[in-house]
C-alpha atoms as a PDB file:
ATOM      1  CA  MET A   1     139.822 158.276  73.502  1.00  0.00           C
ATOM      2  CA  CYS A   2     143.492 157.693  74.298  1.00  0.00           C
ATOM      3  CA  ARG A   3     145.056 154.681  72.643  1.00  0.00           C
ATOM      4  CA  LEU A   4     147.450 152.204  74.228  1.00  0.00           C
ATOM      5  CA  PHE A   5     150.202 150.100  72.673  1.00  0.00           C
ATOM      6  CA  GLY A   6     152.467 147.547  74.314  1.00  0.00           C
ATOM      7  CA  LEU A   7     154.919 144.962  73.043  1.00  0.00           C
ATOM      8  CA  THR A   8     157.282 142.492  74.668  1.00  0.00           C
ATOM      9  CA  THR A   9     159.537 139.825  73.172  1.00  0.00           C
ATOM     10  CA  GLY A  10     160.622 138.420  76.515  1.00  0.00           C
ATOM     11  CA  GLY A  11     164.288 139.108  75.781  1.00  0.00           C
ATOM     12  CA  PRO A  12     165.484 139.897  72.237  1.00  0.00           C
ATOM     13  CA  ARG A  13     165.672 143.589  71.374  1.00  0.00           C
ATOM     14  CA  VAL A  14     163.688 144.756  68.357  1.00  0.00           C
ATOM     15  CA  GLU A  15     162.244 147.978  66.986  1.00  0.00           C
ATOM     16  CA  THR A  16     158.563 148.677  66.471  1.00  0.00           C
ATOM     17  CA  ALA A  17     158.403 150.813  63.321  1.00  0.00           C
ATOM     18  CA  PHE A  18     155.736 148.580  61.787  1.00  0.00           C
ATOM     19  CA  TRP A  19     153.280 148.978  64.658  1.00  0.00           C
ATOM     20  CA  LEU A  20     154.035 152.585  65.497  1.00  0.00           C
ATOM     21  CA  LEU A  21     154.320 153.936  61.941  1.00  0.00           C
ATOM     22  CA  ASP A  22     153.564 151.528  59.123  1.00  0.00           C
ATOM     23  CA  ALA A  23     150.668 149.253  60.112  1.00  0.00           C
ATOM     24  CA  PRO A  24     147.269 149.978  58.506  1.00  0.00           C
ATOM     25  CA  ASP A  25     146.090 151.369  61.865  1.00  0.00           C
ATOM     26  CA  SER A  26     149.462 152.323  63.342  1.00  0.00           C
ATOM     27  CA  LEU A  27     149.761 154.508  66.413  1.00  0.00           C
ATOM     28  CA  ARG A  28     150.739 157.399  64.143  1.00  0.00           C
ATOM     29  CA  ALA A  29     147.543 156.877  62.130  1.00  0.00           C
ATOM     30  CA  GLN A  30     145.498 156.738  65.336  1.00  0.00           C
ATOM     31  CA  SER A  31     146.972 160.106  66.375  1.00  0.00           C
ATOM     32  CA  LEU A  32     144.929 161.744  63.607  1.00  0.00           C
ATOM     33  CA  ARG A  33     142.010 161.125  65.994  1.00  0.00           C
ATOM     34  CA  MET A  34     143.984 161.457  69.269  1.00  0.00           C
ATOM     35  CA  PRO A  35     146.004 164.658  68.751  1.00  0.00           C
ATOM     36  CA  ASP A  36     146.844 165.856  72.282  1.00  0.00           C
ATOM     37  CA  GLY A  37     150.149 164.090  72.933  1.00  0.00           C
ATOM     38  CA  ALA A  38     152.275 161.084  72.101  1.00  0.00           C
ATOM     39  CA  GLY A  39     154.926 159.119  73.923  1.00  0.00           C
ATOM     40  CA  ILE A  40     157.103 156.042  73.566  1.00  0.00           C
ATOM     41  CA  GLY A  41     158.586 154.174  76.529  1.00  0.00           C
ATOM     42  CA  TRP A  42     161.243 151.456  76.367  1.00  0.00           C
ATOM     43  CA  PHE A  43     164.086 149.883  78.361  1.00  0.00           C
ATOM     44  CA  SER A  44     167.760 150.748  77.945  1.00  0.00           C
ATOM     45  CA  LEU A  45     170.585 148.229  77.587  1.00  0.00           C
ATOM     46  CA  GLY A  46     170.814 148.380  81.382  1.00  0.00           C
ATOM     47  CA  ASP A  47     167.052 147.646  81.606  1.00  0.00           C
ATOM     48  CA  GLU A  48     166.245 151.111  82.909  1.00  0.00           C
ATOM     49  CA  PRO A  49     162.973 152.662  81.677  1.00  0.00           C
ATOM     50  CA  VAL A  50     163.341 155.508  79.192  1.00  0.00           C
ATOM     51  CA  ARG A  51     160.638 157.782  77.752  1.00  0.00           C
ATOM     52  CA  ASP A  52     160.262 160.323  75.015  1.00  0.00           C
ATOM     53  CA  ARG A  53     156.965 162.210  75.072  1.00  0.00           C
ATOM     54  CA  ALA A  54     155.536 165.520  73.920  1.00  0.00           C
ATOM     55  CA  PRO A  55     152.150 167.286  73.895  1.00  0.00           C
ATOM     56  CA  LEU A  56     152.035 166.938  70.108  1.00  0.00           C
ATOM     57  CA  ALA A  57     150.167 164.635  67.760  1.00  0.00           C
ATOM     58  CA  ALA A  58     152.378 161.718  66.717  1.00  0.00           C
ATOM     59  CA  HIS A  59     151.694 162.360  63.035  1.00  0.00           C
ATOM     60  CA  THR A  60     153.153 165.866  63.359  1.00  0.00           C
ATOM     61  CA  SER A  61     156.230 164.858  65.385  1.00  0.00           C
ATOM     62  CA  SER A  62     159.504 164.167  63.599  1.00  0.00           C
ATOM     63  CA  ASP A  63     160.900 162.890  66.910  1.00  0.00           C
ATOM     64  CA  PHE A  64     158.170 160.233  67.158  1.00  0.00           C
ATOM     65  CA  ASP A  65     159.008 159.026  63.646  1.00  0.00           C
ATOM     66  CA  LEU A  66     162.768 159.028  64.283  1.00  0.00           C
ATOM     67  CA  LEU A  67     162.506 157.173  67.581  1.00  0.00           C
ATOM     68  CA  ALA A  68     160.037 154.609  66.256  1.00  0.00           C
ATOM     69  CA  ARG A  69     162.499 153.673  63.508  1.00  0.00           C
ATOM     70  CA  ASN A  70     165.633 153.591  65.648  1.00  0.00           C
ATOM     71  CA  ILE A  71     164.889 152.657  69.266  1.00  0.00           C
ATOM     72  CA  VAL A  72     165.427 149.011  70.149  1.00  0.00           C
ATOM     73  CA  SER A  73     164.124 147.240  73.243  1.00  0.00           C
ATOM     74  CA  HIS A  74     162.552 144.001  74.427  1.00  0.00           C
ATOM     75  CA  THR A  75     159.548 145.824  75.936  1.00  0.00           C
ATOM     76  CA  PHE A  76     157.666 148.936  74.802  1.00  0.00           C
ATOM     77  CA  VAL A  77     154.741 151.016  76.059  1.00  0.00           C
ATOM     78  CA  ALA A  78     153.414 153.770  73.789  1.00  0.00           C
ATOM     79  CA  HIS A  79     150.410 156.077  73.942  1.00  0.00           C
ATOM     80  CA  VAL A  80     148.562 158.731  71.968  1.00  0.00           C
ATOM     81  CA  ARG A  81     146.505 161.111  74.076  1.00  0.00           C
ATOM     82  CA  TYR A  82     143.079 162.683  73.836  1.00  0.00           C
ATOM     83  CA  SER A  83     142.870 165.006  76.854  1.00  0.00           C
ATOM     84  CA  SER A  84     139.859 164.871  79.151  1.00  0.00           C
ATOM     85  CA  GLY A  85     140.531 168.400  80.360  1.00  0.00           C
ATOM     86  CA  THR A  86     144.005 168.572  81.897  1.00  0.00           C
ATOM     87  CA  ALA A  87     146.563 170.764  80.166  1.00  0.00           C
ATOM     88  CA  LEU A  88     148.446 169.755  77.028  1.00  0.00           C
ATOM     89  CA  ASP A  89     151.759 169.502  78.829  1.00  0.00           C
ATOM     90  CA  VAL A  90     154.685 167.086  78.662  1.00  0.00           C
ATOM     91  CA  HIS A  91     154.105 166.115  82.311  1.00  0.00           C
ATOM     92  CA  ASN A  92     150.539 165.036  81.487  1.00  0.00           C
ATOM     93  CA  THR A  93     151.684 162.946  78.521  1.00  0.00           C
ATOM     94  CA  HIS A  94     151.968 159.161  78.821  1.00  0.00           C
ATOM     95  CA  PRO A  95     153.753 156.873  79.432  1.00  0.00           C
ATOM     96  CA  PHE A  96     154.663 157.635  83.025  1.00  0.00           C
ATOM     97  CA  ASP A  97     157.732 156.286  84.842  1.00  0.00           C
ATOM     98  CA  MET A  98     157.908 155.356  88.532  1.00  0.00           C
ATOM     99  CA  ASN A  99     160.239 152.953  90.347  1.00  0.00           C
ATOM    100  CA  ASP A 100     161.605 151.365  87.145  1.00  0.00           C
ATOM    101  CA  ARG A 101     158.146 150.804  85.662  1.00  0.00           C
ATOM    102  CA  LEU A 102     156.316 152.321  82.698  1.00  0.00           C
ATOM    103  CA  PHE A 103     152.568 152.975  82.753  1.00  0.00           C
ATOM    104  CA  ALA A 104     149.844 154.150  80.381  1.00  0.00           C
ATOM    105  CA  HIS A 105     146.097 154.431  80.942  1.00  0.00           C
ATOM    106  CA  ASN A 106     142.911 154.819  78.929  1.00  0.00           C
ATOM    107  CA  GLY A 107     139.714 155.979  80.652  1.00  0.00           C
ATOM    108  CA  VAL A 108     138.298 158.148  83.424  1.00  0.00           C
ATOM    109  CA  VAL A 109     138.530 157.713  87.200  1.00  0.00           C
ATOM    110  CA  ARG A 110     136.782 160.267  89.445  1.00  0.00           C
ATOM    111  CA  ASP A 111     137.309 161.576  92.994  1.00  0.00           C
ATOM    112  CA  MET A 112     141.036 162.125  92.686  1.00  0.00           C
ATOM    113  CA  ASP A 113     140.949 164.176  95.884  1.00  0.00           C
ATOM    114  CA  VAL A 114     139.932 160.971  97.690  1.00  0.00           C
ATOM    115  CA  LEU A 115     142.612 158.900  95.969  1.00  0.00           C
ATOM    116  CA  SER A 116     145.181 161.532  96.895  1.00  0.00           C
ATOM    117  CA  THR A 117     144.489 160.907 100.597  1.00  0.00           C
ATOM    118  CA  TRP A 118     145.605 157.291 100.097  1.00  0.00           C
ATOM    119  CA  LEU A 119     149.104 158.476  99.126  1.00  0.00           C
ATOM    120  CA  SER A 120     151.990 159.339 101.412  1.00  0.00           C
ATOM    121  CA  ASP A 121     154.262 162.307 100.804  1.00  0.00           C
ATOM    122  CA  VAL A 122     156.780 159.850  99.344  1.00  0.00           C
ATOM    123  CA  ASP A 123     154.173 158.631  96.849  1.00  0.00           C
ATOM    124  CA  LYS A 124     153.112 162.161  95.918  1.00  0.00           C
ATOM    125  CA  ALA A 125     156.719 163.197  95.272  1.00  0.00           C
ATOM    126  CA  LEU A 126     156.749 160.833  92.263  1.00  0.00           C
ATOM    127  CA  ILE A 127     153.919 162.746  90.536  1.00  0.00           C
ATOM    128  CA  GLU A 128     154.891 165.353  87.929  1.00  0.00           C
ATOM    129  CA  GLY A 129     151.568 166.221  86.243  1.00  0.00           C
ATOM    130  CA  HIS A 130     147.867 166.604  86.960  1.00  0.00           C
ATOM    131  CA  THR A 131     146.120 163.601  85.402  1.00  0.00           C
ATOM    132  CA  ASP A 132     143.969 160.930  87.017  1.00  0.00           C
ATOM    133  CA  SER A 133     146.217 158.433  85.230  1.00  0.00           C
ATOM    134  CA  GLU A 134     149.361 159.463  87.082  1.00  0.00           C
ATOM    135  CA  LEU A 135     147.567 159.482  90.445  1.00  0.00           C
ATOM    136  CA  VAL A 136     146.329 155.957  89.759  1.00  0.00           C
ATOM    137  CA  PHE A 137     149.875 154.919  88.848  1.00  0.00           C
ATOM    138  CA  ALA A 138     151.238 156.439  92.059  1.00  0.00           C
ATOM    139  CA  TYR A 139     148.725 154.430  94.100  1.00  0.00           C
ATOM    140  CA  ILE A 140     149.521 151.223  92.201  1.00  0.00           C
ATOM    141  CA  THR A 141     153.223 151.907  92.831  1.00  0.00           C
ATOM    142  CA  ALA A 142     152.560 152.383  96.546  1.00  0.00           C
ATOM    143  CA  GLU A 143     150.656 149.089  96.769  1.00  0.00           C
ATOM    144  CA  ILE A 144     153.403 147.242  94.881  1.00  0.00           C
ATOM    145  CA  ARG A 145     155.941 148.586  97.371  1.00  0.00           C
ATOM    146  CA  ARG A 146     153.715 147.666 100.329  1.00  0.00           C
ATOM    147  CA  LEU A 147     153.060 144.101  99.152  1.00  0.00           C
ATOM    148  CA  GLY A 148     156.424 143.423  97.520  1.00  0.00           C
ATOM    149  CA  ASP A 149     154.935 141.965  94.340  1.00  0.00           C
ATOM    150  CA  THR A 150     153.863 143.747  91.164  1.00  0.00           C
ATOM    151  CA  THR A 151     150.858 141.557  90.342  1.00  0.00           C
ATOM    152  CA  GLU A 152     149.555 141.575  93.920  1.00  0.00           C
ATOM    153  CA  GLY A 153     150.066 145.321  94.231  1.00  0.00           C
ATOM    154  CA  LEU A 154     148.265 146.048  90.966  1.00  0.00           C
ATOM    155  CA  ILE A 155     145.343 143.827  91.964  1.00  0.00           C
ATOM    156  CA  SER A 156     145.108 145.394  95.434  1.00  0.00           C
ATOM    157  CA  ALA A 157     145.109 148.929  94.038  1.00  0.00           C
ATOM    158  CA  VAL A 158     142.528 148.271  91.321  1.00  0.00           C
ATOM    159  CA  ARG A 159     140.251 146.442  93.758  1.00  0.00           C
ATOM    160  CA  ARG A 160     140.165 149.445  96.091  1.00  0.00           C
ATOM    161  CA  ILE A 161     139.734 151.909  93.232  1.00  0.00           C
ATOM    162  CA  GLY A 162     136.861 149.816  91.861  1.00  0.00           C
ATOM    163  CA  ALA A 163     135.222 149.570  95.267  1.00  0.00           C
ATOM    164  CA  GLU A 164     135.550 153.207  96.377  1.00  0.00           C
ATOM    165  CA  LEU A 165     135.884 155.485  93.328  1.00  0.00           C
ATOM    166  CA  PRO A 166     133.582 156.127  90.361  1.00  0.00           C
ATOM    167  CA  ILE A 167     135.044 154.610  87.170  1.00  0.00           C
ATOM    168  CA  TYR A 168     134.189 155.006  83.527  1.00  0.00           C
ATOM    169  CA  SER A 169     137.131 152.925  82.305  1.00  0.00           C
ATOM    170  CA  LEU A 170     140.450 151.805  83.747  1.00  0.00           C
ATOM    171  CA  ASN A 171     142.391 150.152  80.933  1.00  0.00           C
ATOM    172  CA  ILE A 172     146.067 149.849  81.869  1.00  0.00           C
ATOM    173  CA  LEU A 173     149.442 148.850  80.480  1.00  0.00           C
ATOM    174  CA  LEU A 174     152.183 148.435  83.109  1.00  0.00           C
ATOM    175  CA  ALA A 175     155.696 147.324  82.167  1.00  0.00           C
ATOM    176  CA  GLU A 176     158.893 146.204  83.826  1.00  0.00           C
ATOM    177  CA  ALA A 177     161.914 144.898  81.951  1.00  0.00           C
ATOM    178  CA  ASN A 178     160.676 141.802  80.040  1.00  0.00           C
ATOM    179  CA  ARG A 179     157.322 141.858  81.854  1.00  0.00           C
ATOM    180  CA  LEU A 180     154.010 143.417  80.864  1.00  0.00           C
ATOM    181  CA  TRP A 181     150.619 143.675  82.591  1.00  0.00           C
ATOM    182  CA  ALA A 182     147.483 144.546  80.602  1.00  0.00           C
ATOM    183  CA  LEU A 183     144.111 145.252  82.213  1.00  0.00           C
ATOM    184  CA  ARG A 184     140.699 145.790  80.619  1.00  0.00           C
ATOM    185  CA  TYR A 185     138.330 147.066  83.331  1.00  0.00           C
ATOM    186  CA  PRO A 186     135.362 146.983  83.139  1.00  0.00           C
ATOM    187  CA  GLU A 187     133.919 146.475  79.629  1.00  0.00           C
ATOM    188  CA  THR A 188     133.676 150.134  78.557  1.00  0.00           C
ATOM    189  CA  HIS A 189     136.703 150.267  76.248  1.00  0.00           C
ATOM    190  CA  GLU A 190     138.322 147.509  74.217  1.00  0.00           C
ATOM    191  CA  LEU A 191     141.820 146.102  74.659  1.00  0.00           C
ATOM    192  CA  TRP A 192     143.231 143.602  72.156  1.00  0.00           C
ATOM    193  CA  VAL A 193     146.087 141.110  72.302  1.00  0.00           C
ATOM    194  CA  LEU A 194     148.020 139.370  69.542  1.00  0.00           C
ATOM    195  CA  ARG A 195     149.793 136.290  70.841  1.00  0.00           C
ATOM    196  CA  PRO A 196     153.103 135.181  69.278  1.00  0.00           C
ATOM    197  CA  GLU A 197     152.085 131.553  68.757  1.00  0.00           C
ATOM    198  CA  LEU A 198     149.178 132.615  66.525  1.00  0.00           C
ATOM    199  CA  GLY A 199     151.382 133.650  63.645  1.00  0.00           C
ATOM    200  CA  GLY A 200     151.112 137.363  64.179  1.00  0.00           C
ATOM    201  CA  PHE A 201     154.619 138.098  62.876  1.00  0.00           C
ATOM    202  CA  ALA A 202     154.682 136.522  59.457  1.00  0.00           C
ATOM    203  CA  GLY A 203     156.049 137.980  56.253  1.00  0.00           C
ATOM    204  CA  THR A 204     157.159 141.580  55.884  1.00  0.00           C
ATOM    205  CA  ARG A 205     156.144 142.692  59.373  1.00  0.00           C
ATOM    206  CA  ALA A 206     158.255 140.037  61.159  1.00  0.00           C
ATOM    207  CA  LEU A 207     160.527 141.319  63.908  1.00  0.00           C
ATOM    208  CA  ALA A 208     164.203 140.445  63.596  1.00  0.00           C
ATOM    209  CA  PRO A 209     166.658 140.363  66.488  1.00  0.00           C
ATOM    210  CA  VAL A 210     169.081 143.259  66.678  1.00  0.00           C
ATOM    211  CA  ALA A 211     172.593 142.233  65.683  1.00  0.00           C
ATOM    212  CA  GLU A 212     174.104 145.135  67.617  1.00  0.00           C
ATOM    213  CA  PRO A 213     172.659 148.009  69.642  1.00  0.00           C
ATOM    214  CA  GLY A 214     170.893 150.532  67.468  1.00  0.00           C
ATOM    215  CA  ARG A 215     170.461 148.324  64.400  1.00  0.00           C
ATOM    216  CA  MET A 216     167.268 146.645  63.266  1.00  0.00           C
ATOM    217  CA  GLU A 217     166.039 145.014  60.085  1.00  0.00           C
ATOM    218  CA  ILE A 218     162.603 143.873  58.981  1.00  0.00           C
ATOM    219  CA  SER A 219     162.949 140.274  57.880  1.00  0.00           C
ATOM    220  CA  GLY A 220     160.945 137.388  56.561  1.00  0.00           C
ATOM    221  CA  THR A 221     159.908 134.551  58.837  1.00  0.00           C
ATOM    222  CA  ASP A 222     163.445 133.116  59.099  1.00  0.00           C
ATOM    223  CA  GLY A 223     164.874 134.186  62.442  1.00  0.00           C
ATOM    224  CA  ALA A 224     161.803 136.235  63.321  1.00  0.00           C
ATOM    225  CA  VAL A 225     161.290 137.123  66.972  1.00  0.00           C
ATOM    226  CA  PRO A 226     157.910 136.249  68.523  1.00  0.00           C
ATOM    227  CA  ALA A 227     156.281 138.922  70.667  1.00  0.00           C
ATOM    228  CA  PHE A 228     153.046 139.797  72.410  1.00  0.00           C
ATOM    229  CA  VAL A 229     151.328 142.935  71.120  1.00  0.00           C
ATOM    230  CA  LEU A 230     148.651 144.825  73.092  1.00  0.00           C
ATOM    231  CA  ALA A 231     146.563 147.591  71.540  1.00  0.00           C
ATOM    232  CA  SER A 232     143.365 149.539  72.099  1.00  0.00           C
ATOM    233  CA  GLU A 233     142.225 148.595  68.606  1.00  0.00           C
ATOM    234  CA  ARG A 234     143.289 146.008  66.060  1.00  0.00           C
ATOM    235  CA  MET A 235     146.167 147.522  64.140  1.00  0.00           C
ATOM    236  CA  ASP A 236     145.875 145.356  61.060  1.00  0.00           C
ATOM    237  CA  ALA A 237     143.604 142.714  59.561  1.00  0.00           C
ATOM    238  CA  ASP A 238     145.194 139.703  61.268  1.00  0.00           C
ATOM    239  CA  PRO A 239     142.291 137.437  62.359  1.00  0.00           C
ATOM    240  CA  ASP A 240     144.225 136.318  65.450  1.00  0.00           C
ATOM    241  CA  TRP A 241     143.724 139.527  67.399  1.00  0.00           C
ATOM    242  CA  ARG A 242     141.800 138.601  70.570  1.00  0.00           C
ATOM    243  CA  LEU A 243     139.558 141.003  72.452  1.00  0.00           C
ATOM    244  CA  MET A 244     140.384 140.740  76.144  1.00  0.00           C
ATOM    245  CA  GLU A 245     137.504 139.911  78.449  1.00  0.00           C
ATOM    246  CA  PRO A 246     136.047 142.589  80.760  1.00  0.00           C
ATOM    247  CA  GLY A 247     137.950 142.449  84.035  1.00  0.00           C
ATOM    248  CA  GLU A 248     140.790 140.417  82.533  1.00  0.00           C
ATOM    249  CA  LEU A 249     144.309 141.044  83.811  1.00  0.00           C
ATOM    250  CA  LEU A 250     146.849 139.565  81.391  1.00  0.00           C
ATOM    251  CA  VAL A 251     150.237 138.967  83.025  1.00  0.00           C
ATOM    252  CA  ILE A 252     153.073 138.419  80.534  1.00  0.00           C
ATOM    253  CA  ASP A 253     156.407 137.276  81.965  1.00  0.00           C
ATOM    254  CA  GLY A 254     158.878 136.681  79.168  1.00  0.00           C
ATOM    255  CA  LEU A 255     156.611 134.921  76.695  1.00  0.00           C
ATOM    256  CA  ASP A 256     154.569 133.108  79.351  1.00  0.00           C
ATOM    257  CA  ALA A 257     151.117 134.644  79.698  1.00  0.00           C
ATOM    258  CA  THR A 258     148.443 134.118  82.343  1.00  0.00           C
ATOM    259  CA  SER A 259     144.926 135.572  82.358  1.00  0.00           C
ATOM    260  CA  LEU A 260     143.561 136.456  85.793  1.00  0.00           C
ATOM    261  CA  PHE A 261     140.056 137.606  86.735  1.00  0.00           C
ATOM    262  CA  PRO A 262     140.504 138.989  90.267  1.00  0.00           C
ATOM    263  CA  PHE A 263     138.096 141.928  90.152  1.00  0.00           C
ATOM    264  CA  ASP A 264     134.446 142.480  90.974  1.00  0.00           C
ATOM    265  CA  LYS A 265     132.479 144.935  88.876  1.00  0.00           C
ATOM    266  CA  PRO A 266     133.171 148.521  90.028  1.00  0.00           C
ATOM    267  CA  THR A 267     130.759 149.733  92.681  1.00  0.00           C
ATOM    268  CA  THR A 268     130.049 152.934  90.741  1.00  0.00           C
ATOM    269  CA  VAL A 269     130.274 152.648  86.960  1.00  0.00           C
ATOM    270  CA  LEU A 270     129.988 156.010  85.234  1.00  0.00           C
ATOM    271  CA  THR A 271     127.913 156.263  82.079  1.00  0.00           C
ATOM    272  CA  ARG A 272     128.326 158.686  79.208  1.00  0.00           C
ATOM    273  CA  ALA A 273     125.592 160.821  80.775  1.00  0.00           C
ATOM    274  CA  ASP A 274     127.805 161.264  83.855  1.00  0.00           C
ATOM    275  CA  LEU A 275     130.788 162.649  81.949  1.00  0.00           C
ATOM    276  CA  SER A 276     131.648 166.322  81.535  1.00  0.00           C
ATOM    277  CA  GLY A 277     131.946 167.806  78.057  1.00  0.00           C
ATOM    278  CA  ASN A 278     135.731 167.400  77.955  1.00  0.00           C
ATOM    279  CA  GLU A 279     135.540 163.891  79.393  1.00  0.00           C
ATOM    280  CA  LEU A 280     132.878 162.878  76.902  1.00  0.00           C
ATOM    281  CA  ARG A 281     134.922 164.224  73.996  1.00  0.00           C
ATOM    282  CA  SER A 282     138.002 162.349  75.156  1.00  0.00           C
ATOM    283  CA  GLN A 283     136.150 159.047  75.561  1.00  0.00           C
ATOM    284  CA  GLU A 284     134.465 158.915  72.171  1.00  0.00           C
ATOM    285  CA  PRO A 285     135.098 155.538  70.518  1.00  0.00           C
ATOM    286  CA  ALA A 286     137.667 155.798  67.746  1.00  0.00           C
ATOM    287  CA  THR A 287     136.316 155.952  64.217  1.00  0.00           C
ATOM    288  CA  VAL A 288     138.317 156.011  61.030  1.00  0.00           C
END
């Protein structure tokens, strides 16, 4: 199944080479099992979202390696894709970008023709590809605009999706500059969090602040930058990784985090027996 990665420091700009390339279960290593696309999203010095994505496996992409070692930001969203049937195309590759937000998704949501009727022409104009993920993002974006608040809009959209559409899994990472939302819904797939106060950045993997744009060093604990890390699977052996609860929405603003549980169980939860061959292949649990 697709794998998600998110990181935010709440302010200082860092690079993420350890997590994307060098960790025991880095995103590049995960792409050996999720070969259908890879993308990295971050925020520019002007806090505008930027993406680089391609319908290639991360472990085969020199661009993925180069960017992972050189991009600096306070907030990242990255993704490796295992297609559930839509084309291997750059426009179907995560993360997606709408209204200054980045988004990545892991799972299956059905009845996209119904969801499409919830969108205005303005909403549909933001869509570039053909995935359920991007349609879900467009609806979340519409609800955020309608309600004027990102958390309220995300909750409103997921509540309606859960009530009216069949769902196998709807795990989400949504990012604004210095803010990150992580959702595990329902319990089908895992989503893990490593909190900064639990010592997750000790020793050689510590993140150091960038002295000037474009420069980054891996340091010891002195001057290390704390950060939240979100991932579909534990990326190293740190015992402080926490499995998010089913239905948990983790809202990270700076380095302040709040866990919300605003969702009922989906009305129609798909099982593996309900999935098509391509969907079933894409949703297989990751094994090393």
